[in-house]
PDB file of all heavy atoms in Angstrom:
ATOM      1  N   ALA A   1     -37.505  21.840  47.210  1.00  0.00           N
ATOM      2  CA  ALA A   1     -37.678  23.242  46.823  1.00  0.00           C
ATOM      3  C   ALA A   1     -37.630  23.436  45.313  1.00  0.00           C
ATOM      4  O   ALA A   1     -37.251  24.491  44.826  1.00  0.00           O
ATOM      5  CB  ALA A   1     -36.600  24.098  47.490  1.00  0.00           C
ATOM      6  N   GLY A   2     -38.043  22.416  44.575  1.00  0.00           N
ATOM      7  CA  GLY A   2     -37.975  22.513  43.121  1.00  0.00           C
ATOM      8  C   GLY A   2     -39.296  22.779  42.456  1.00  0.00           C
ATOM      9  O   GLY A   2     -39.386  22.772  41.223  1.00  0.00           O
ATOM     10  N   GLY A   3     -40.352  23.037  43.251  1.00  0.00           N
ATOM     11  CA  GLY A   3     -41.687  23.192  42.686  1.00  0.00           C
ATOM     12  C   GLY A   3     -41.859  24.478  41.887  1.00  0.00           C
ATOM     13  O   GLY A   3     -41.323  25.526  42.250  1.00  0.00           O
ATOM     14  N   ARG A   4     -42.642  24.386  40.829  1.00  0.00           N
ATOM     15  CA  ARG A   4     -42.856  25.545  39.967  1.00  0.00           C
ATOM     16  C   ARG A   4     -43.851  26.527  40.565  1.00  0.00           C
ATOM     17  O   ARG A   4     -43.712  27.736  40.415  1.00  0.00           O
ATOM     18  CB  ARG A   4     -43.350  25.071  38.598  1.00  0.00           C
ATOM     19  CG  ARG A   4     -43.647  26.224  37.649  1.00  0.00           C
ATOM     20  CD  ARG A   4     -43.903  25.733  36.246  1.00  0.00           C
ATOM     21  NE  ARG A   4     -44.104  26.843  35.327  1.00  0.00           N
ATOM     22  CZ  ARG A   4     -44.121  26.732  34.015  1.00  0.00           C
ATOM     23  NH1 ARG A   4     -43.950  25.548  33.470  1.00  0.00           N
ATOM     24  NH2 ARG A   4     -44.317  27.778  33.254  1.00  0.00           N
ATOM     25  N   GLY A   5     -44.896  26.028  41.233  1.00  0.00           N
ATOM     26  CA  GLY A   5     -45.903  26.924  41.795  1.00  0.00           C
ATOM     27  C   GLY A   5     -46.726  27.611  40.730  1.00  0.00           C
ATOM     28  O   GLY A   5     -46.939  28.821  40.776  1.00  0.00           O
ATOM     29  N   SER A   6     -47.234  26.831  39.771  1.00  0.00           N
ATOM     30  CA  SER A   6     -47.932  27.420  38.626  1.00  0.00           C
ATOM     31  C   SER A   6     -49.213  28.137  39.017  1.00  0.00           C
ATOM     32  O   SER A   6     -49.654  29.048  38.306  1.00  0.00           O
ATOM     33  CB  SER A   6     -48.247  26.332  37.590  1.00  0.00           C
ATOM     34  OG  SER A   6     -49.006  25.282  38.168  1.00  0.00           O
ATOM     35  N   ARG A   7     -49.803  27.778  40.159  1.00  0.00           N
ATOM     36  CA  ARG A   7     -51.044  28.446  40.574  1.00  0.00           C
ATOM     37  C   ARG A   7     -50.800  29.880  41.041  1.00  0.00           C
ATOM     38  O   ARG A   7     -51.746  30.645  41.209  1.00  0.00           O
ATOM     39  CB  ARG A   7     -51.730  27.644  41.685  1.00  0.00           C
ATOM     40  CG  ARG A   7     -52.266  26.277  41.238  1.00  0.00           C
ATOM     41  CD  ARG A   7     -52.936  25.560  42.390  1.00  0.00           C
ATOM     42  NE  ARG A   7     -52.001  25.336  43.489  1.00  0.00           N
ATOM     43  CZ  ARG A   7     -52.356  25.173  44.758  1.00  0.00           C
ATOM     44  NH1 ARG A   7     -53.634  25.230  45.105  1.00  0.00           N
ATOM     45  NH2 ARG A   7     -51.450  24.964  45.690  1.00  0.00           N
ATOM     46  N   LEU A   8     -49.516  30.232  41.239  1.00  0.00           N
ATOM     47  CA  LEU A   8     -49.182  31.625  41.556  1.00  0.00           C
ATOM     48  C   LEU A   8     -48.990  32.456  40.283  1.00  0.00           C
ATOM     49  O   LEU A   8     -48.594  33.622  40.352  1.00  0.00           O
ATOM     50  CB  LEU A   8     -47.912  31.686  42.408  1.00  0.00           C
ATOM     51  CG  LEU A   8     -48.106  31.304  43.879  1.00  0.00           C
ATOM     52  CD1 LEU A   8     -46.766  31.167  44.576  1.00  0.00           C
ATOM     53  CD2 LEU A   8     -48.979  32.324  44.605  1.00  0.00           C
ATOM     54  N   HIS A   9     -49.267  31.826  39.151  1.00  0.00           N
ATOM     55  CA  HIS A   9     -49.252  32.511  37.858  1.00  0.00           C
ATOM     56  C   HIS A   9     -47.927  33.242  37.627  1.00  0.00           C
ATOM     57  O   HIS A   9     -46.866  32.669  37.848  1.00  0.00           O
ATOM     58  CB  HIS A   9     -50.470  33.434  37.760  1.00  0.00           C
ATOM     59  CG  HIS A   9     -51.770  32.688  37.788  1.00  0.00           C
ATOM     60  ND1 HIS A   9     -52.337  32.116  36.677  1.00  0.00           N
ATOM     61  CD2 HIS A   9     -52.607  32.378  38.828  1.00  0.00           C
ATOM     62  CE1 HIS A   9     -53.459  31.489  37.008  1.00  0.00           C
ATOM     63  NE2 HIS A   9     -53.650  31.638  38.310  1.00  0.00           N
ATOM     64  N   ASN A  10     -47.975  34.484  37.213  1.00  0.00           N
ATOM     65  CA  ASN A  10     -46.756  35.191  36.802  1.00  0.00           C
ATOM     66  C   ASN A  10     -45.799  35.479  37.952  1.00  0.00           C
ATOM     67  O   ASN A  10     -44.651  35.859  37.719  1.00  0.00           O
ATOM     68  CB  ASN A  10     -47.130  36.509  36.116  1.00  0.00           C
ATOM     69  CG  ASN A  10     -48.106  36.300  34.981  1.00  0.00           C
ATOM     70  OD1 ASN A  10     -49.304  36.150  35.225  1.00  0.00           O
ATOM     71  ND2 ASN A  10     -47.616  36.271  33.743  1.00  0.00           N
ATOM     72  N   LEU A  11     -46.223  35.273  39.193  1.00  0.00           N
ATOM     73  CA  LEU A  11     -45.347  35.523  40.336  1.00  0.00           C
ATOM     74  C   LEU A  11     -44.186  34.525  40.372  1.00  0.00           C
ATOM     75  O   LEU A  11     -43.155  34.795  40.987  1.00  0.00           O
ATOM     76  CB  LEU A  11     -46.155  35.445  41.637  1.00  0.00           C
ATOM     77  CG  LEU A  11     -45.615  36.199  42.858  1.00  0.00           C
ATOM     78  CD1 LEU A  11     -45.415  37.674  42.546  1.00  0.00           C
ATOM     79  CD2 LEU A  11     -46.552  36.032  44.040  1.00  0.00           C
ATOM     80  N   THR A  12     -44.344  33.381  39.702  1.00  0.00           N
ATOM     81  CA  THR A  12     -43.266  32.393  39.646  1.00  0.00           C
ATOM     82  C   THR A  12     -42.688  32.278  38.227  1.00  0.00           C
ATOM     83  O   THR A  12     -42.103  31.250  37.882  1.00  0.00           O
ATOM     84  CB  THR A  12     -43.767  31.012  40.124  1.00  0.00           C
ATOM     85  OG1 THR A  12     -44.976  30.664  39.434  1.00  0.00           O
ATOM     86  CG2 THR A  12     -44.040  31.034  41.610  1.00  0.00           C
ATOM     87  N   ASP A  13     -42.820  33.307  37.432  1.00  0.00           N
ATOM     88  CA  ASP A  13     -42.216  33.288  36.099  1.00  0.00           C
ATOM     89  C   ASP A  13     -40.697  33.260  36.160  1.00  0.00           C
ATOM     90  O   ASP A  13     -40.033  32.695  35.285  1.00  0.00           O
ATOM     91  CB  ASP A  13     -42.662  34.516  35.290  1.00  0.00           C
ATOM     92  CG  ASP A  13     -44.024  34.307  34.627  1.00  0.00           C
ATOM     93  OD1 ASP A  13     -44.536  33.171  34.677  1.00  0.00           O
ATOM     94  OD2 ASP A  13     -44.565  35.275  34.069  1.00  0.00           O
ATOM     95  N   SER A  14     -40.119  33.889  37.174  1.00  0.00           N
ATOM     96  CA  SER A  14     -38.659  33.992  37.246  1.00  0.00           C
ATOM     97  C   SER A  14     -38.084  33.386  38.514  1.00  0.00           C
ATOM     98  O   SER A  14     -36.893  33.537  38.783  1.00  0.00           O
ATOM     99  CB  SER A  14     -38.230  35.467  37.158  1.00  0.00           C
ATOM    100  OG  SER A  14     -38.776  36.205  38.241  1.00  0.00           O
ATOM    101  N   ARG A  15     -38.910  32.688  39.290  1.00  0.00           N
ATOM    102  CA  ARG A  15     -38.428  32.110  40.550  1.00  0.00           C
ATOM    103  C   ARG A  15     -39.258  30.891  40.909  1.00  0.00           C
ATOM    104  O   ARG A  15     -40.425  30.783  40.528  1.00  0.00           O
ATOM    105  CB  ARG A  15     -38.492  33.152  41.678  1.00  0.00           C
ATOM    106  CG  ARG A  15     -39.886  33.662  41.944  1.00  0.00           C
ATOM    107  CD  ARG A  15     -39.942  34.691  43.067  1.00  0.00           C
ATOM    108  NE  ARG A  15     -39.417  35.989  42.662  1.00  0.00           N
ATOM    109  CZ  ARG A  15     -40.168  36.974  42.184  1.00  0.00           C
ATOM    110  NH1 ARG A  15     -41.486  36.808  42.006  1.00  0.00           N
ATOM    111  NH2 ARG A  15     -39.622  38.128  41.880  1.00  0.00           N
ATOM    112  N   ALA A  16     -38.649  29.964  41.650  1.00  0.00           N
ATOM    113  CA  ALA A  16     -39.391  28.822  42.173  1.00  0.00           C
ATOM    114  C   ALA A  16     -40.295  29.282  43.313  1.00  0.00           C
ATOM    115  O   ALA A  16     -40.035  30.298  43.972  1.00  0.00           O
ATOM    116  CB  ALA A  16     -38.421  27.748  42.665  1.00  0.00           C
ATOM    117  N   LYS A  17     -41.344  28.518  43.568  1.00  0.00           N
ATOM    118  CA  LYS A  17     -42.295  28.901  44.609  1.00  0.00           C
ATOM    119  C   LYS A  17     -41.638  29.096  45.976  1.00  0.00           C
ATOM    120  O   LYS A  17     -41.950  30.063  46.683  1.00  0.00           O
ATOM    121  CB  LYS A  17     -43.420  27.870  44.696  1.00  0.00           C
ATOM    122  CG  LYS A  17     -44.493  28.210  45.733  1.00  0.00           C
ATOM    123  CD  LYS A  17     -45.551  27.129  45.802  1.00  0.00           C
ATOM    124  CE  LYS A  17     -46.523  27.360  46.949  1.00  0.00           C
ATOM    125  NZ  LYS A  17     -47.476  26.232  47.105  1.00  0.00           N
ATOM    126  N   PRO A  18     -40.704  28.233  46.410  1.00  0.00           N
ATOM    127  CA  PRO A  18     -40.078  28.471  47.726  1.00  0.00           C
ATOM    128  C   PRO A  18     -39.305  29.779  47.811  1.00  0.00           C
ATOM    129  O   PRO A  18     -39.041  30.269  48.914  1.00  0.00           O
ATOM    130  CB  PRO A  18     -39.138  27.267  47.884  1.00  0.00           C
ATOM    131  CG  PRO A  18     -39.747  26.202  47.034  1.00  0.00           C
ATOM    132  CD  PRO A  18     -40.307  26.927  45.853  1.00  0.00           C
ATOM    133  N   ALA A  19     -38.930  30.364  46.660  1.00  0.00           N
ATOM    134  CA  ALA A  19     -38.180  31.624  46.660  1.00  0.00           C
ATOM    135  C   ALA A  19     -39.087  32.847  46.611  1.00  0.00           C
ATOM    136  O   ALA A  19     -38.588  33.977  46.620  1.00  0.00           O
ATOM    137  CB  ALA A  19     -37.217  31.664  45.474  1.00  0.00           C
ATOM    138  N   VAL A  20     -40.394  32.657  46.586  1.00  0.00           N
ATOM    139  CA  VAL A  20     -41.324  33.783  46.548  1.00  0.00           C
ATOM    140  C   VAL A  20     -41.240  34.559  47.866  1.00  0.00           C
ATOM    141  O   VAL A  20     -41.125  33.981  48.949  1.00  0.00           O
ATOM    142  CB  VAL A  20     -42.757  33.283  46.297  1.00  0.00           C
ATOM    143  CG1 VAL A  20     -43.784  34.403  46.491  1.00  0.00           C
ATOM    144  CG2 VAL A  20     -42.874  32.713  44.882  1.00  0.00           C
ATOM    145  N   TYR A  21     -41.302  35.878  47.769  1.00  0.00           N
ATOM    146  CA  TYR A  21     -41.228  36.749  48.946  1.00  0.00           C
ATOM    147  C   TYR A  21     -42.468  36.580  49.822  1.00  0.00           C
ATOM    148  O   TYR A  21     -43.569  36.310  49.329  1.00  0.00           O
ATOM    149  CB  TYR A  21     -41.128  38.205  48.509  1.00  0.00           C
ATOM    150  CG  TYR A  21     -39.865  38.541  47.760  1.00  0.00           C
ATOM    151  CD1 TYR A  21     -39.826  38.483  46.363  1.00  0.00           C
ATOM    152  CD2 TYR A  21     -38.712  38.924  48.429  1.00  0.00           C
ATOM    153  CE1 TYR A  21     -38.667  38.794  45.666  1.00  0.00           C
ATOM    154  CE2 TYR A  21     -37.548  39.237  47.736  1.00  0.00           C
ATOM    155  CZ  TYR A  21     -37.535  39.168  46.359  1.00  0.00           C
ATOM    156  OH  TYR A  21     -36.393  39.470  45.679  1.00  0.00           O
ATOM    157  N   PHE A  22     -42.271  36.773  51.150  1.00  0.00           N
ATOM    158  CA  PHE A  22     -43.399  36.667  52.075  1.00  0.00           C
ATOM    159  C   PHE A  22     -43.129  37.500  53.325  1.00  0.00           C
ATOM    160  O   PHE A  22     -42.012  37.541  53.841  1.00  0.00           O
ATOM    161  CB  PHE A  22     -43.640  35.204  52.481  1.00  0.00           C
ATOM    162  CG  PHE A  22     -44.830  35.035  53.392  1.00  0.00           C
ATOM    163  CD1 PHE A  22     -46.109  34.944  52.860  1.00  0.00           C
ATOM    164  CD2 PHE A  22     -44.672  34.997  54.766  1.00  0.00           C
ATOM    165  CE1 PHE A  22     -47.212  34.812  53.696  1.00  0.00           C
ATOM    166  CE2 PHE A  22     -45.759  34.871  55.599  1.00  0.00           C
ATOM    167  CZ  PHE A  22     -47.036  34.782  55.063  1.00  0.00           C
ATOM    168  N   GLY A  23     -44.166  38.175  53.800  1.00  0.00           N
ATOM    169  CA  GLY A  23     -44.134  38.794  55.123  1.00  0.00           C
ATOM    170  C   GLY A  23     -43.245  40.005  55.277  1.00  0.00           C
ATOM    171  O   GLY A  23     -42.793  40.296  56.377  1.00  0.00           O
ATOM    172  N   GLY A  24     -42.972  40.720  54.195  1.00  0.00           N
ATOM    173  CA  GLY A  24     -42.239  41.964  54.307  1.00  0.00           C
ATOM    174  C   GLY A  24     -40.735  41.850  54.146  1.00  0.00           C
ATOM    175  O   GLY A  24     -40.088  42.817  53.741  1.00  0.00           O
ATOM    176  N   LYS A  25     -40.152  40.670  54.438  1.00  0.00           N
ATOM    177  CA  LYS A  25     -38.694  40.552  54.342  1.00  0.00           C
ATOM    178  C   LYS A  25     -38.213  39.131  54.090  1.00  0.00           C
ATOM    179  O   LYS A  25     -37.029  38.919  53.833  1.00  0.00           O
ATOM    180  CB  LYS A  25     -38.039  41.089  55.607  1.00  0.00           C
ATOM    181  CG  LYS A  25     -38.395  40.326  56.872  1.00  0.00           C
ATOM    182  CD  LYS A  25     -37.804  40.979  58.120  1.00  0.00           C
ATOM    183  CE  LYS A  25     -36.300  40.898  58.142  1.00  0.00           C
ATOM    184  NZ  LYS A  25     -35.734  41.438  59.398  1.00  0.00           N
ATOM    185  N   PHE A  26     -39.089  38.138  54.173  1.00  0.00           N
ATOM    186  CA  PHE A  26     -38.671  36.745  54.108  1.00  0.00           C
ATOM    187  C   PHE A  26     -38.908  36.152  52.716  1.00  0.00           C
ATOM    188  O   PHE A  26     -39.526  36.754  51.852  1.00  0.00           O
ATOM    189  CB  PHE A  26     -39.440  35.915  55.146  1.00  0.00           C
ATOM    190  CG  PHE A  26     -39.402  36.491  56.532  1.00  0.00           C
ATOM    191  CD1 PHE A  26     -40.492  37.183  57.042  1.00  0.00           C
ATOM    192  CD2 PHE A  26     -38.277  36.349  57.327  1.00  0.00           C
ATOM    193  CE1 PHE A  26     -40.457  37.722  58.315  1.00  0.00           C
ATOM    194  CE2 PHE A  26     -38.232  36.892  58.603  1.00  0.00           C
ATOM    195  CZ  PHE A  26     -39.331  37.579  59.099  1.00  0.00           C
ATOM    196  N   ARG A  27     -38.398  34.935  52.528  1.00  0.00           N
ATOM    197  CA  ARG A  27     -38.790  34.049  51.435  1.00  0.00           C
ATOM    198  C   ARG A  27     -39.550  32.874  52.067  1.00  0.00           C
ATOM    199  O   ARG A  27     -39.317  32.520  53.228  1.00  0.00           O
ATOM    200  CB  ARG A  27     -37.585  33.525  50.666  1.00  0.00           C
ATOM    201  CG  ARG A  27     -36.646  34.601  50.123  1.00  0.00           C
ATOM    202  CD  ARG A  27     -37.221  35.365  48.952  1.00  0.00           C
ATOM    203  NE  ARG A  27     -36.223  36.272  48.385  1.00  0.00           N
ATOM    204  CZ  ARG A  27     -35.698  36.144  47.169  1.00  0.00           C
ATOM    205  NH1 ARG A  27     -36.090  35.157  46.382  1.00  0.00           N
ATOM    206  NH2 ARG A  27     -34.803  37.007  46.718  1.00  0.00           N
ATOM    207  N   ILE A  28     -40.413  32.224  51.294  1.00  0.00           N
ATOM    208  CA  ILE A  28     -41.233  31.152  51.858  1.00  0.00           C
ATOM    209  C   ILE A  28     -40.358  30.045  52.443  1.00  0.00           C
ATOM    210  O   ILE A  28     -40.648  29.498  53.513  1.00  0.00           O
ATOM    211  CB  ILE A  28     -42.200  30.593  50.797  1.00  0.00           C
ATOM    212  CG1 ILE A  28     -43.234  31.660  50.411  1.00  0.00           C
ATOM    213  CG2 ILE A  28     -42.908  29.349  51.310  1.00  0.00           C
ATOM    214  CD1 ILE A  28     -44.164  31.246  49.281  1.00  0.00           C
ATOM    215  N   ILE A  29     -39.255  29.716  51.787  1.00  0.00           N
ATOM    216  CA  ILE A  29     -38.407  28.617  52.262  1.00  0.00           C
ATOM    217  C   ILE A  29     -37.779  28.911  53.620  1.00  0.00           C
ATOM    218  O   ILE A  29     -37.398  27.987  54.351  1.00  0.00           O
ATOM    219  CB  ILE A  29     -37.312  28.298  51.230  1.00  0.00           C
ATOM    220  CG1 ILE A  29     -36.695  26.923  51.531  1.00  0.00           C
ATOM    221  CG2 ILE A  29     -36.253  29.404  51.183  1.00  0.00           C
ATOM    222  CD1 ILE A  29     -35.724  26.432  50.484  1.00  0.00           C
ATOM    223  N   ASP A  30     -37.692  30.182  54.002  1.00  0.00           N
ATOM    224  CA  ASP A  30     -37.087  30.531  55.290  1.00  0.00           C
ATOM    225  C   ASP A  30     -37.816  29.885  56.462  1.00  0.00           C
ATOM    226  O   ASP A  30     -37.200  29.624  57.512  1.00  0.00           O
ATOM    227  CB  ASP A  30     -37.080  32.049  55.484  1.00  0.00           C
ATOM    228  CG  ASP A  30     -36.108  32.753  54.551  1.00  0.00           C
ATOM    229  OD1 ASP A  30     -35.080  32.155  54.198  1.00  0.00           O
ATOM    230  OD2 ASP A  30     -36.395  33.909  54.164  1.00  0.00           O
ATOM    231  N   PHE A  31     -39.102  29.608  56.312  1.00  0.00           N
ATOM    232  CA  PHE A  31     -39.863  29.041  57.428  1.00  0.00           C
ATOM    233  C   PHE A  31     -39.455  27.593  57.678  1.00  0.00           C
ATOM    234  O   PHE A  31     -39.217  27.203  58.835  1.00  0.00           O
ATOM    235  CB  PHE A  31     -41.359  29.179  57.163  1.00  0.00           C
ATOM    236  CG  PHE A  31     -41.836  30.598  57.282  1.00  0.00           C
ATOM    237  CD1 PHE A  31     -41.746  31.473  56.208  1.00  0.00           C
ATOM    238  CD2 PHE A  31     -42.331  31.081  58.475  1.00  0.00           C
ATOM    239  CE1 PHE A  31     -42.144  32.797  56.315  1.00  0.00           C
ATOM    240  CE2 PHE A  31     -42.735  32.407  58.610  1.00  0.00           C
ATOM    241  CZ  PHE A  31     -42.633  33.262  57.527  1.00  0.00           C
TER     242      PHE A  31
END
């Protein structure tokens, strides 16, 4: 869960890609 996720551009400026919000209430890593 250490990936930067640079292709998500500014959405990962302050968070790692697994911590990005998804689906109304989750984080990606929750899956």
